[in-house]
Amino acid sequence: AADRLREELALLEGAQQHLRDGKIAQANRALREHARR
């Protein structure tokens, strides 16, 4: 469960970083991947 939560968090942190960098398409890809997984 802890490993799974870390994986979830990594995807969301990646999405947040992409948003801060103005990379909306990459952020949306990370968010879709989170939703899929």
PDB file of all heavy atoms in Angstrom:
ATOM      1  N   ALA A   1       0.836  -1.209   0.000  1.00  0.00           N
ATOM      2  CA  ALA A   1       0.000   0.000   0.000  1.00  0.00           C
ATOM      3  C   ALA A   1       0.866   1.253   0.000  1.00  0.00           C
ATOM      4  O   ALA A   1       0.560   2.229  -0.697  1.00  0.00           O
ATOM      5  CB  ALA A   1      -0.933  -0.009   1.210  1.00  0.00           C
ATOM      6  N   ALA A   2       1.957   1.230   0.753  1.00  0.00           N
ATOM      7  CA  ALA A   2       2.863   2.386   0.794  1.00  0.00           C
ATOM      8  C   ALA A   2       3.531   2.586  -0.562  1.00  0.00           C
ATOM      9  O   ALA A   2       3.662   3.722  -1.028  1.00  0.00           O
ATOM     10  CB  ALA A   2       3.918   2.202   1.883  1.00  0.00           C
ATOM     11  N   ASP A   3       3.928   1.493  -1.205  1.00  0.00           N
ATOM     12  CA  ASP A   3       4.546   1.589  -2.530  1.00  0.00           C
ATOM     13  C   ASP A   3       3.556   2.155  -3.546  1.00  0.00           C
ATOM     14  O   ASP A   3       3.906   3.000  -4.379  1.00  0.00           O
ATOM     15  CB  ASP A   3       5.042   0.222  -3.002  1.00  0.00           C
ATOM     16  CG  ASP A   3       6.245  -0.267  -2.217  1.00  0.00           C
ATOM     17  OD1 ASP A   3       6.894   0.539  -1.516  1.00  0.00           O
ATOM     18  OD2 ASP A   3       6.528  -1.482  -2.291  1.00  0.00           O
ATOM     19  N   ARG A   4       2.331   1.700  -3.468  1.00  0.00           N
ATOM     20  CA  ARG A   4       1.285   2.174  -4.385  1.00  0.00           C
ATOM     21  C   ARG A   4       1.044   3.666  -4.188  1.00  0.00           C
ATOM     22  O   ARG A   4       0.926   4.419  -5.157  1.00  0.00           O
ATOM     23  CB  ARG A   4       0.013   1.368  -4.123  1.00  0.00           C
ATOM     24  CG  ARG A   4      -1.127   1.667  -5.038  1.00  0.00           C
ATOM     25  CD  ARG A   4      -2.288   0.717  -4.706  1.00  0.00           C
ATOM     26  NE  ARG A   4      -3.478   1.109  -5.378  1.00  0.00           N
ATOM     27  CZ  ARG A   4      -3.871   0.659  -6.560  1.00  0.00           C
ATOM     28  NH1 ARG A   4      -3.150  -0.217  -7.190  1.00  0.00           N
ATOM     29  NH2 ARG A   4      -4.996   1.076  -7.102  1.00  0.00           N
ATOM     30  N   LEU A   5       0.990   4.098  -2.933  1.00  0.00           N
ATOM     31  CA  LEU A   5       0.787   5.513  -2.648  1.00  0.00           C
ATOM     32  C   LEU A   5       1.953   6.345  -3.172  1.00  0.00           C
ATOM     33  O   LEU A   5       1.749   7.420  -3.738  1.00  0.00           O
ATOM     34  CB  LEU A   5       0.602   5.736  -1.153  1.00  0.00           C
ATOM     35  CG  LEU A   5       0.285   7.162  -0.723  1.00  0.00           C
ATOM     36  CD1 LEU A   5      -0.966   7.692  -1.404  1.00  0.00           C
ATOM     37  CD2 LEU A   5       0.137   7.229   0.789  1.00  0.00           C
ATOM     38  N   ARG A   6       3.175   5.838  -3.028  1.00  0.00           N
ATOM     39  CA  ARG A   6       4.340   6.554  -3.575  1.00  0.00           C
ATOM     40  C   ARG A   6       4.245   6.686  -5.088  1.00  0.00           C
ATOM     41  O   ARG A   6       4.587   7.727  -5.647  1.00  0.00           O
ATOM     42  CB  ARG A   6       5.639   5.843  -3.185  1.00  0.00           C
ATOM     43  CG  ARG A   6       6.172   6.262  -1.841  1.00  0.00           C
ATOM     44  CD  ARG A   6       7.593   5.751  -1.618  1.00  0.00           C
ATOM     45  NE  ARG A   6       7.649   4.321  -1.376  1.00  0.00           N
ATOM     46  CZ  ARG A   6       7.395   3.739  -0.206  1.00  0.00           C
ATOM     47  NH1 ARG A   6       7.081   4.459   0.836  1.00  0.00           N
ATOM     48  NH2 ARG A   6       7.482   2.431  -0.082  1.00  0.00           N
ATOM     49  N   GLU A   7       3.772   5.638  -5.762  1.00  0.00           N
ATOM     50  CA  GLU A   7       3.607   5.693  -7.221  1.00  0.00           C
ATOM     51  C   GLU A   7       2.557   6.732  -7.599  1.00  0.00           C
ATOM     52  O   GLU A   7       2.743   7.496  -8.555  1.00  0.00           O
ATOM     53  CB  GLU A   7       3.211   4.325  -7.758  1.00  0.00           C
ATOM     54  CG  GLU A   7       4.317   3.289  -7.685  1.00  0.00           C
ATOM     55  CD  GLU A   7       3.846   1.920  -8.139  1.00  0.00           C
ATOM     56  OE1 GLU A   7       3.011   1.851  -9.066  1.00  0.00           O
ATOM     57  OE2 GLU A   7       4.315   0.931  -7.570  1.00  0.00           O
ATOM     58  N   GLU A   8       1.448   6.738  -6.870  1.00  0.00           N
ATOM     59  CA  GLU A   8       0.410   7.737  -7.126  1.00  0.00           C
ATOM     60  C   GLU A   8       0.970   9.145  -6.948  1.00  0.00           C
ATOM     61  O   GLU A   8       0.768  10.020  -7.800  1.00  0.00           O
ATOM     62  CB  GLU A   8      -0.753   7.570  -6.143  1.00  0.00           C
ATOM     63  CG  GLU A   8      -1.716   6.483  -6.477  1.00  0.00           C
ATOM     64  CD  GLU A   8      -2.987   6.629  -5.664  1.00  0.00           C
ATOM     65  OE1 GLU A   8      -3.751   7.598  -5.915  1.00  0.00           O
ATOM     66  OE2 GLU A   8      -3.218   5.796  -4.784  1.00  0.00           O
ATOM     67  N   LEU A   9       1.649   9.342  -5.843  1.00  0.00           N
ATOM     68  CA  LEU A   9       2.199  10.654  -5.529  1.00  0.00           C
ATOM     69  C   LEU A   9       3.202  11.110  -6.584  1.00  0.00           C
ATOM     70  O   LEU A   9       3.192  12.272  -6.998  1.00  0.00           O
ATOM     71  CB  LEU A   9       2.847  10.630  -4.144  1.00  0.00           C
ATOM     72  CG  LEU A   9       3.325  11.959  -3.596  1.00  0.00           C
ATOM     73  CD1 LEU A   9       2.194  12.974  -3.543  1.00  0.00           C
ATOM     74  CD2 LEU A   9       3.939  11.756  -2.218  1.00  0.00           C
ATOM     75  N   ALA A  10       4.041  10.204  -7.048  1.00  0.00           N
ATOM     76  CA  ALA A  10       5.035  10.556  -8.068  1.00  0.00           C
ATOM     77  C   ALA A  10       4.353  11.050  -9.345  1.00  0.00           C
ATOM     78  O   ALA A  10       4.793  12.037  -9.954  1.00  0.00           O
ATOM     79  CB  ALA A  10       5.944   9.368  -8.361  1.00  0.00           C
ATOM     80  N   LEU A  11       3.296  10.389  -9.763  1.00  0.00           N
ATOM     81  CA  LEU A  11       2.578  10.825 -10.964  1.00  0.00           C
ATOM     82  C   LEU A  11       1.960  12.209 -10.774  1.00  0.00           C
ATOM     83  O   LEU A  11       2.048  13.065 -11.659  1.00  0.00           O
ATOM     84  CB  LEU A  11       1.493   9.814 -11.332  1.00  0.00           C
ATOM     85  CG  LEU A  11       1.969   8.554 -12.032  1.00  0.00           C
ATOM     86  CD1 LEU A  11       0.856   7.520 -12.074  1.00  0.00           C
ATOM     87  CD2 LEU A  11       2.480   8.865 -13.418  1.00  0.00           C
ATOM     88  N   LEU A  12       1.356  12.439  -9.617  1.00  0.00           N
ATOM     89  CA  LEU A  12       0.729  13.738  -9.374  1.00  0.00           C
ATOM     90  C   LEU A  12       1.769  14.839  -9.211  1.00  0.00           C
ATOM     91  O   LEU A  12       1.564  15.962  -9.691  1.00  0.00           O
ATOM     92  CB  LEU A  12      -0.189  13.672  -8.155  1.00  0.00           C
ATOM     93  CG  LEU A  12      -1.424  12.790  -8.332  1.00  0.00           C
ATOM     94  CD1 LEU A  12      -2.287  12.819  -7.083  1.00  0.00           C
ATOM     95  CD2 LEU A  12      -2.234  13.207  -9.545  1.00  0.00           C
ATOM     96  N   GLU A  13       2.880  14.535  -8.563  1.00  0.00           N
ATOM     97  CA  GLU A  13       3.941  15.543  -8.452  1.00  0.00           C
ATOM     98  C   GLU A  13       4.504  15.885  -9.829  1.00  0.00           C
ATOM     99  O   GLU A  13       4.821  17.041 -10.107  1.00  0.00           O
ATOM    100  CB  GLU A  13       5.046  15.053  -7.521  1.00  0.00           C
ATOM    101  CG  GLU A  13       4.635  15.093  -6.063  1.00  0.00           C
ATOM    102  CD  GLU A  13       5.679  14.499  -5.136  1.00  0.00           C
ATOM    103  OE1 GLU A  13       6.535  13.698  -5.585  1.00  0.00           O
ATOM    104  OE2 GLU A  13       5.636  14.831  -3.939  1.00  0.00           O
ATOM    105  N   GLY A  14       4.623  14.876 -10.692  1.00  0.00           N
ATOM    106  CA  GLY A  14       5.066  15.125 -12.061  1.00  0.00           C
ATOM    107  C   GLY A  14       4.099  16.034 -12.795  1.00  0.00           C
ATOM    108  O   GLY A  14       4.507  16.967 -13.495  1.00  0.00           O
ATOM    109  N   ALA A  15       2.811  15.777 -12.629  1.00  0.00           N
ATOM    110  CA  ALA A  15       1.797  16.614 -13.269  1.00  0.00           C
ATOM    111  C   ALA A  15       1.890  18.051 -12.764  1.00  0.00           C
ATOM    112  O   ALA A  15       1.824  19.008 -13.552  1.00  0.00           O
ATOM    113  CB  ALA A  15       0.400  16.045 -13.010  1.00  0.00           C
ATOM    114  N   GLN A  16       2.057  18.211 -11.467  1.00  0.00           N
ATOM    115  CA  GLN A  16       2.177  19.548 -10.890  1.00  0.00           C
ATOM    116  C   GLN A  16       3.398  20.283 -11.443  1.00  0.00           C
ATOM    117  O   GLN A  16       3.314  21.474 -11.771  1.00  0.00           O
ATOM    118  CB  GLN A  16       2.279  19.463  -9.371  1.00  0.00           C
ATOM    119  CG  GLN A  16       1.002  19.016  -8.710  1.00  0.00           C
ATOM    120  CD  GLN A  16       1.196  18.764  -7.233  1.00  0.00           C
ATOM    121  OE1 GLN A  16       1.943  19.455  -6.561  1.00  0.00           O
ATOM    122  NE2 GLN A  16       0.506  17.762  -6.717  1.00  0.00           N
ATOM    123  N   GLN A  17       4.508  19.582 -11.560  1.00  0.00           N
ATOM    124  CA  GLN A  17       5.716  20.205 -12.093  1.00  0.00           C
ATOM    125  C   GLN A  17       5.502  20.637 -13.545  1.00  0.00           C
ATOM    126  O   GLN A  17       5.894  21.733 -13.942  1.00  0.00           O
ATOM    127  CB  GLN A  17       6.923  19.276 -11.997  1.00  0.00           C
ATOM    128  CG  GLN A  17       8.222  19.917 -12.444  1.00  0.00           C
ATOM    129  CD  GLN A  17       8.584  21.128 -11.608  1.00  0.00           C
ATOM    130  OE1 GLN A  17       8.598  21.085 -10.397  1.00  0.00           O
ATOM    131  NE2 GLN A  17       8.862  22.255 -12.272  1.00  0.00           N
ATOM    132  N   HIS A  18       4.857  19.781 -14.320  1.00  0.00           N
ATOM    133  CA  HIS A  18       4.564  20.146 -15.716  1.00  0.00           C
ATOM    134  C   HIS A  18       3.676  21.388 -15.775  1.00  0.00           C
ATOM    135  O   HIS A  18       3.892  22.265 -16.618  1.00  0.00           O
ATOM    136  CB  HIS A  18       3.902  18.989 -16.460  1.00  0.00           C
ATOM    137  CG  HIS A  18       4.807  17.839 -16.740  1.00  0.00           C
ATOM    138  ND1 HIS A  18       6.054  17.972 -17.320  1.00  0.00           N
ATOM    139  CD2 HIS A  18       4.644  16.516 -16.524  1.00  0.00           C
ATOM    140  CE1 HIS A  18       6.619  16.786 -17.455  1.00  0.00           C
ATOM    141  NE2 HIS A  18       5.773  15.883 -16.974  1.00  0.00           N
ATOM    142  N   LEU A  19       2.698  21.469 -14.891  1.00  0.00           N
ATOM    143  CA  LEU A  19       1.836  22.658 -14.860  1.00  0.00           C
ATOM    144  C   LEU A  19       2.642  23.901 -14.515  1.00  0.00           C
ATOM    145  O   LEU A  19       2.465  24.945 -15.144  1.00  0.00           O
ATOM    146  CB  LEU A  19       0.692  22.471 -13.862  1.00  0.00           C
ATOM    147  CG  LEU A  19      -0.418  21.525 -14.304  1.00  0.00           C
ATOM    148  CD1 LEU A  19      -1.378  21.251 -13.153  1.00  0.00           C
ATOM    149  CD2 LEU A  19      -1.164  22.090 -15.491  1.00  0.00           C
ATOM    150  N   ARG A  20       3.522  23.795 -13.526  1.00  0.00           N
ATOM    151  CA  ARG A  20       4.361  24.948 -13.167  1.00  0.00           C
ATOM    152  C   ARG A  20       5.240  25.376 -14.338  1.00  0.00           C
ATOM    153  O   ARG A  20       5.514  26.558 -14.518  1.00  0.00           O
ATOM    154  CB  ARG A  20       5.239  24.605 -11.959  1.00  0.00           C
ATOM    155  CG  ARG A  20       4.504  24.646 -10.641  1.00  0.00           C
ATOM    156  CD  ARG A  20       5.455  24.548  -9.460  1.00  0.00           C
ATOM    157  NE  ARG A  20       6.116  23.275  -9.355  1.00  0.00           N
ATOM    158  CZ  ARG A  20       5.648  22.192  -8.743  1.00  0.00           C
ATOM    159  NH1 ARG A  20       4.464  22.242  -8.159  1.00  0.00           N
ATOM    160  NH2 ARG A  20       6.338  21.082  -8.694  1.00  0.00           N
ATOM    161  N   ASP A  21       5.671  24.397 -15.142  1.00  0.00           N
ATOM    162  CA  ASP A  21       6.523  24.682 -16.295  1.00  0.00           C
ATOM    163  C   ASP A  21       5.729  25.096 -17.528  1.00  0.00           C
ATOM    164  O   ASP A  21       6.301  25.349 -18.585  1.00  0.00           O
ATOM    165  CB  ASP A  21       7.372  23.450 -16.639  1.00  0.00           C
ATOM    166  CG  ASP A  21       8.379  23.105 -15.555  1.00  0.00           C
ATOM    167  OD1 ASP A  21       8.681  23.978 -14.707  1.00  0.00           O
ATOM    168  OD2 ASP A  21       8.863  21.950 -15.548  1.00  0.00           O
ATOM    169  N   GLY A  22       4.399  25.114 -17.406  1.00  0.00           N
ATOM    170  CA  GLY A  22       3.557  25.489 -18.536  1.00  0.00           C
ATOM    171  C   GLY A  22       3.399  24.392 -19.571  1.00  0.00           C
ATOM    172  O   GLY A  22       2.970  24.650 -20.693  1.00  0.00           O
ATOM    173  N   LYS A  23       3.710  23.169 -19.207  1.00  0.00           N
ATOM    174  CA  LYS A  23       3.621  22.022 -20.121  1.00  0.00           C
ATOM    175  C   LYS A  23       2.302  21.289 -19.860  1.00  0.00           C
ATOM    176  O   LYS A  23       2.265  20.228 -19.249  1.00  0.00           O
ATOM    177  CB  LYS A  23       4.816  21.097 -19.918  1.00  0.00           C
ATOM    178  CG  LYS A  23       6.138  21.777 -20.217  1.00  0.00           C
ATOM    179  CD  LYS A  23       7.292  20.857 -19.919  1.00  0.00           C
ATOM    180  CE  LYS A  23       8.619  21.554 -20.227  1.00  0.00           C
ATOM    181  NZ  LYS A  23       9.752  20.703 -19.845  1.00  0.00           N
ATOM    182  N   ILE A  24       1.239  21.874 -20.347  1.00  0.00           N
ATOM    183  CA  ILE A  24      -0.103  21.382 -20.057  1.00  0.00           C
ATOM    184  C   ILE A  24      -0.336  19.986 -20.639  1.00  0.00           C
ATOM    185  O   ILE A  24      -0.928  19.130 -19.985  1.00  0.00           O
ATOM    186  CB  ILE A  24      -1.174  22.366 -20.577  1.00  0.00           C
ATOM    187  CG1 ILE A  24      -0.917  23.778 -20.052  1.00  0.00           C
ATOM    188  CG2 ILE A  24      -2.574  21.888 -20.217  1.00  0.00           C
ATOM    189  CD1 ILE A  24      -0.727  23.901 -18.565  1.00  0.00           C
ATOM    190  N   ALA A  25       0.124  19.748 -21.854  1.00  0.00           N
ATOM    191  CA  ALA A  25      -0.073  18.431 -22.477  1.00  0.00           C
ATOM    192  C   ALA A  25       0.596  17.339 -21.649  1.00  0.00           C
ATOM    193  O   ALA A  25       0.006  16.269 -21.427  1.00  0.00           O
ATOM    194  CB  ALA A  25       0.465  18.429 -23.903  1.00  0.00           C
ATOM    195  N   GLN A  26       1.823  17.590 -21.165  1.00  0.00           N
ATOM    196  CA  GLN A  26       2.517  16.591 -20.347  1.00  0.00           C
ATOM    197  C   GLN A  26       1.804  16.399 -19.010  1.00  0.00           C
ATOM    198  O   GLN A  26       1.707  15.281 -18.504  1.00  0.00           O
ATOM    199  CB  GLN A  26       3.984  16.974 -20.108  1.00  0.00           C
ATOM    200  CG  GLN A  26       4.844  16.797 -21.321  1.00  0.00           C
ATOM    201  CD  GLN A  26       5.092  18.131 -22.015  1.00  0.00           C
ATOM    202  OE1 GLN A  26       4.253  19.028 -22.042  1.00  0.00           O
ATOM    203  NE2 GLN A  26       6.263  18.253 -22.602  1.00  0.00           N
ATOM    204  N   ALA A  27       1.312  17.491 -18.441  1.00  0.00           N
ATOM    205  CA  ALA A  27       0.565  17.387 -17.182  1.00  0.00           C
ATOM    206  C   ALA A  27      -0.675  16.520 -17.379  1.00  0.00           C
ATOM    207  O   ALA A  27      -0.952  15.626 -16.575  1.00  0.00           O
ATOM    208  CB  ALA A  27       0.163  18.771 -16.688  1.00  0.00           C
ATOM    209  N   ASN A  28      -1.389  16.766 -18.472  1.00  0.00           N
ATOM    210  CA  ASN A  28      -2.590  15.974 -18.744  1.00  0.00           C
ATOM    211  C   ASN A  28      -2.257  14.502 -18.979  1.00  0.00           C
ATOM    212  O   ASN A  28      -3.012  13.620 -18.557  1.00  0.00           O
ATOM    213  CB  ASN A  28      -3.359  16.554 -19.922  1.00  0.00           C
ATOM    214  CG  ASN A  28      -4.151  17.780 -19.525  1.00  0.00           C
ATOM    215  OD1 ASN A  28      -4.668  17.869 -18.411  1.00  0.00           O
ATOM    216  ND2 ASN A  28      -4.229  18.746 -20.418  1.00  0.00           N
ATOM    217  N   ARG A  29      -1.124  14.234 -19.622  1.00  0.00           N
ATOM    218  CA  ARG A  29      -0.715  12.836 -19.812  1.00  0.00           C
ATOM    219  C   ARG A  29      -0.467  12.155 -18.465  1.00  0.00           C
ATOM    220  O   ARG A  29      -0.898  11.024 -18.243  1.00  0.00           O
ATOM    221  CB  ARG A  29       0.530  12.736 -20.684  1.00  0.00           C
ATOM    222  CG  ARG A  29       0.229  12.692 -22.171  1.00  0.00           C
ATOM    223  CD  ARG A  29       1.411  12.227 -22.993  1.00  0.00           C
ATOM    224  NE  ARG A  29       2.498  13.191 -23.026  1.00  0.00           N
ATOM    225  CZ  ARG A  29       2.547  14.268 -23.792  1.00  0.00           C
ATOM    226  NH1 ARG A  29       1.544  14.538 -24.608  1.00  0.00           N
ATOM    227  NH2 ARG A  29       3.572  15.083 -23.754  1.00  0.00           N
ATOM    228  N   ALA A  30       0.228  12.840 -17.559  1.00  0.00           N
ATOM    229  CA  ALA A  30       0.493  12.276 -16.230  1.00  0.00           C
ATOM    230  C   ALA A  30      -0.814  12.049 -15.466  1.00  0.00           C
ATOM    231  O   ALA A  30      -0.983  11.023 -14.798  1.00  0.00           O
ATOM    232  CB  ALA A  30       1.426  13.186 -15.441  1.00  0.00           C
ATOM    233  N   LEU A  31      -1.745  12.984 -15.586  1.00  0.00           N
ATOM    234  CA  LEU A  31      -3.033  12.836 -14.904  1.00  0.00           C
ATOM    235  C   LEU A  31      -3.855  11.685 -15.494  1.00  0.00           C
ATOM    236  O   LEU A  31      -4.495  10.933 -14.749  1.00  0.00           O
ATOM    237  CB  LEU A  31      -3.807  14.154 -14.974  1.00  0.00           C
ATOM    238  CG  LEU A  31      -3.169  15.298 -14.167  1.00  0.00           C
ATOM    239  CD1 LEU A  31      -3.748  16.633 -14.594  1.00  0.00           C
ATOM    240  CD2 LEU A  31      -3.315  15.061 -12.678  1.00  0.00           C
ATOM    241  N   ARG A  32      -3.819  11.531 -16.814  1.00  0.00           N
ATOM    242  CA  ARG A  32      -4.515  10.397 -17.445  1.00  0.00           C
ATOM    243  C   ARG A  32      -3.882   9.075 -17.035  1.00  0.00           C
ATOM    244  O   ARG A  32      -4.581   8.076 -16.803  1.00  0.00           O
ATOM    245  CB  ARG A  32      -4.528  10.538 -18.966  1.00  0.00           C
ATOM    246  CG  ARG A  32      -5.545  11.549 -19.473  1.00  0.00           C
ATOM    247  CD  ARG A  32      -5.736  11.465 -20.977  1.00  0.00           C
ATOM    248  NE  ARG A  32      -4.501  11.591 -21.728  1.00  0.00           N
ATOM    249  CZ  ARG A  32      -3.970  12.742 -22.138  1.00  0.00           C
ATOM    250  NH1 ARG A  32      -4.587  13.887 -21.856  1.00  0.00           N
ATOM    251  NH2 ARG A  32      -2.860  12.768 -22.837  1.00  0.00           N
ATOM    252  N   GLU A  33      -2.552   9.059 -16.943  1.00  0.00           N
ATOM    253  CA  GLU A  33      -1.856   7.846 -16.507  1.00  0.00           C
ATOM    254  C   GLU A  33      -2.245   7.496 -15.073  1.00  0.00           C
ATOM    255  O   GLU A  33      -2.470   6.337 -14.747  1.00  0.00           O
ATOM    256  CB  GLU A  33      -0.338   8.034 -16.621  1.00  0.00           C
ATOM    257  CG  GLU A  33       0.471   6.858 -16.151  1.00  0.00           C
ATOM    258  CD  GLU A  33       0.313   5.597 -16.986  1.00  0.00           C
ATOM    259  OE1 GLU A  33      -0.265   5.629 -18.089  1.00  0.00           O
ATOM    260  OE2 GLU A  33       0.794   4.536 -16.522  1.00  0.00           O
ATOM    261  N   HIS A  34      -2.342   8.497 -14.232  1.00  0.00           N
ATOM    262  CA  HIS A  34      -2.780   8.251 -12.855  1.00  0.00           C
ATOM    263  C   HIS A  34      -4.195   7.662 -12.861  1.00  0.00           C
ATOM    264  O   HIS A  34      -4.458   6.684 -12.155  1.00  0.00           O
ATOM    265  CB  HIS A  34      -2.737   9.547 -12.035  1.00  0.00           C
ATOM    266  CG  HIS A  34      -3.077   9.333 -10.597  1.00  0.00           C
ATOM    267  ND1 HIS A  34      -4.383   9.270 -10.149  1.00  0.00           N
ATOM    268  CD2 HIS A  34      -2.284   9.151  -9.514  1.00  0.00           C
ATOM    269  CE1 HIS A  34      -4.377   9.064  -8.848  1.00  0.00           C
ATOM    270  NE2 HIS A  34      -3.115   8.989  -8.435  1.00  0.00           N
ATOM    271  N   ALA A  35      -5.080   8.229 -13.645  1.00  0.00           N
ATOM    272  CA  ALA A  35      -6.461   7.733 -13.719  1.00  0.00           C
ATOM    273  C   ALA A  35      -6.509   6.299 -14.252  1.00  0.00           C
ATOM    274  O   ALA A  35      -7.311   5.494 -13.782  1.00  0.00           O
ATOM    275  CB  ALA A  35      -7.302   8.649 -14.597  1.00  0.00           C
ATOM    276  N   ARG A  36      -5.647   5.996 -15.204  1.00  0.00           N
ATOM    277  CA  ARG A  36      -5.610   4.644 -15.773  1.00  0.00           C
ATOM    278  C   ARG A  36      -5.099   3.642 -14.744  1.00  0.00           C
ATOM    279  O   ARG A  36      -5.694   2.589 -14.549  1.00  0.00           O
ATOM    280  CB  ARG A  36      -4.727   4.624 -17.013  1.00  0.00           C
ATOM    281  CG  ARG A  36      -4.709   3.274 -17.743  1.00  0.00           C
ATOM    282  CD  ARG A  36      -3.693   3.235 -18.862  1.00  0.00           C
ATOM    283  NE  ARG A  36      -2.319   3.256 -18.395  1.00  0.00           N
ATOM    284  CZ  ARG A  36      -1.678   2.212 -17.855  1.00  0.00           C
ATOM    285  NH1 ARG A  36      -2.297   1.069 -17.678  1.00  0.00           N
ATOM    286  NH2 ARG A  36      -0.414   2.313 -17.478  1.00  0.00           N
ATOM    287  N   ARG A  37      -4.013   3.985 -14.077  1.00  0.00           N
ATOM    288  CA  ARG A  37      -3.380   3.050 -13.141  1.00  0.00           C
ATOM    289  C   ARG A  37      -4.069   2.998 -11.781  1.00  0.00           C
ATOM    290  O   ARG A  37      -4.038   1.964 -11.112  1.00  0.00           O
ATOM    291  CB  ARG A  37      -1.915   3.424 -12.950  1.00  0.00           C
ATOM    292  CG  ARG A  37      -1.096   3.135 -14.195  1.00  0.00           C
ATOM    293  CD  ARG A  37       0.342   3.526 -14.070  1.00  0.00           C
ATOM    294  NE  ARG A  37       0.994   2.913 -12.931  1.00  0.00           N
ATOM    295  CZ  ARG A  37       2.159   3.327 -12.437  1.00  0.00           C
ATOM    296  NH1 ARG A  37       2.793   4.352 -12.995  1.00  0.00           N
ATOM    297  NH2 ARG A  37       2.694   2.737 -11.398  1.00  0.00           N
TER     298      ARG A  37
END
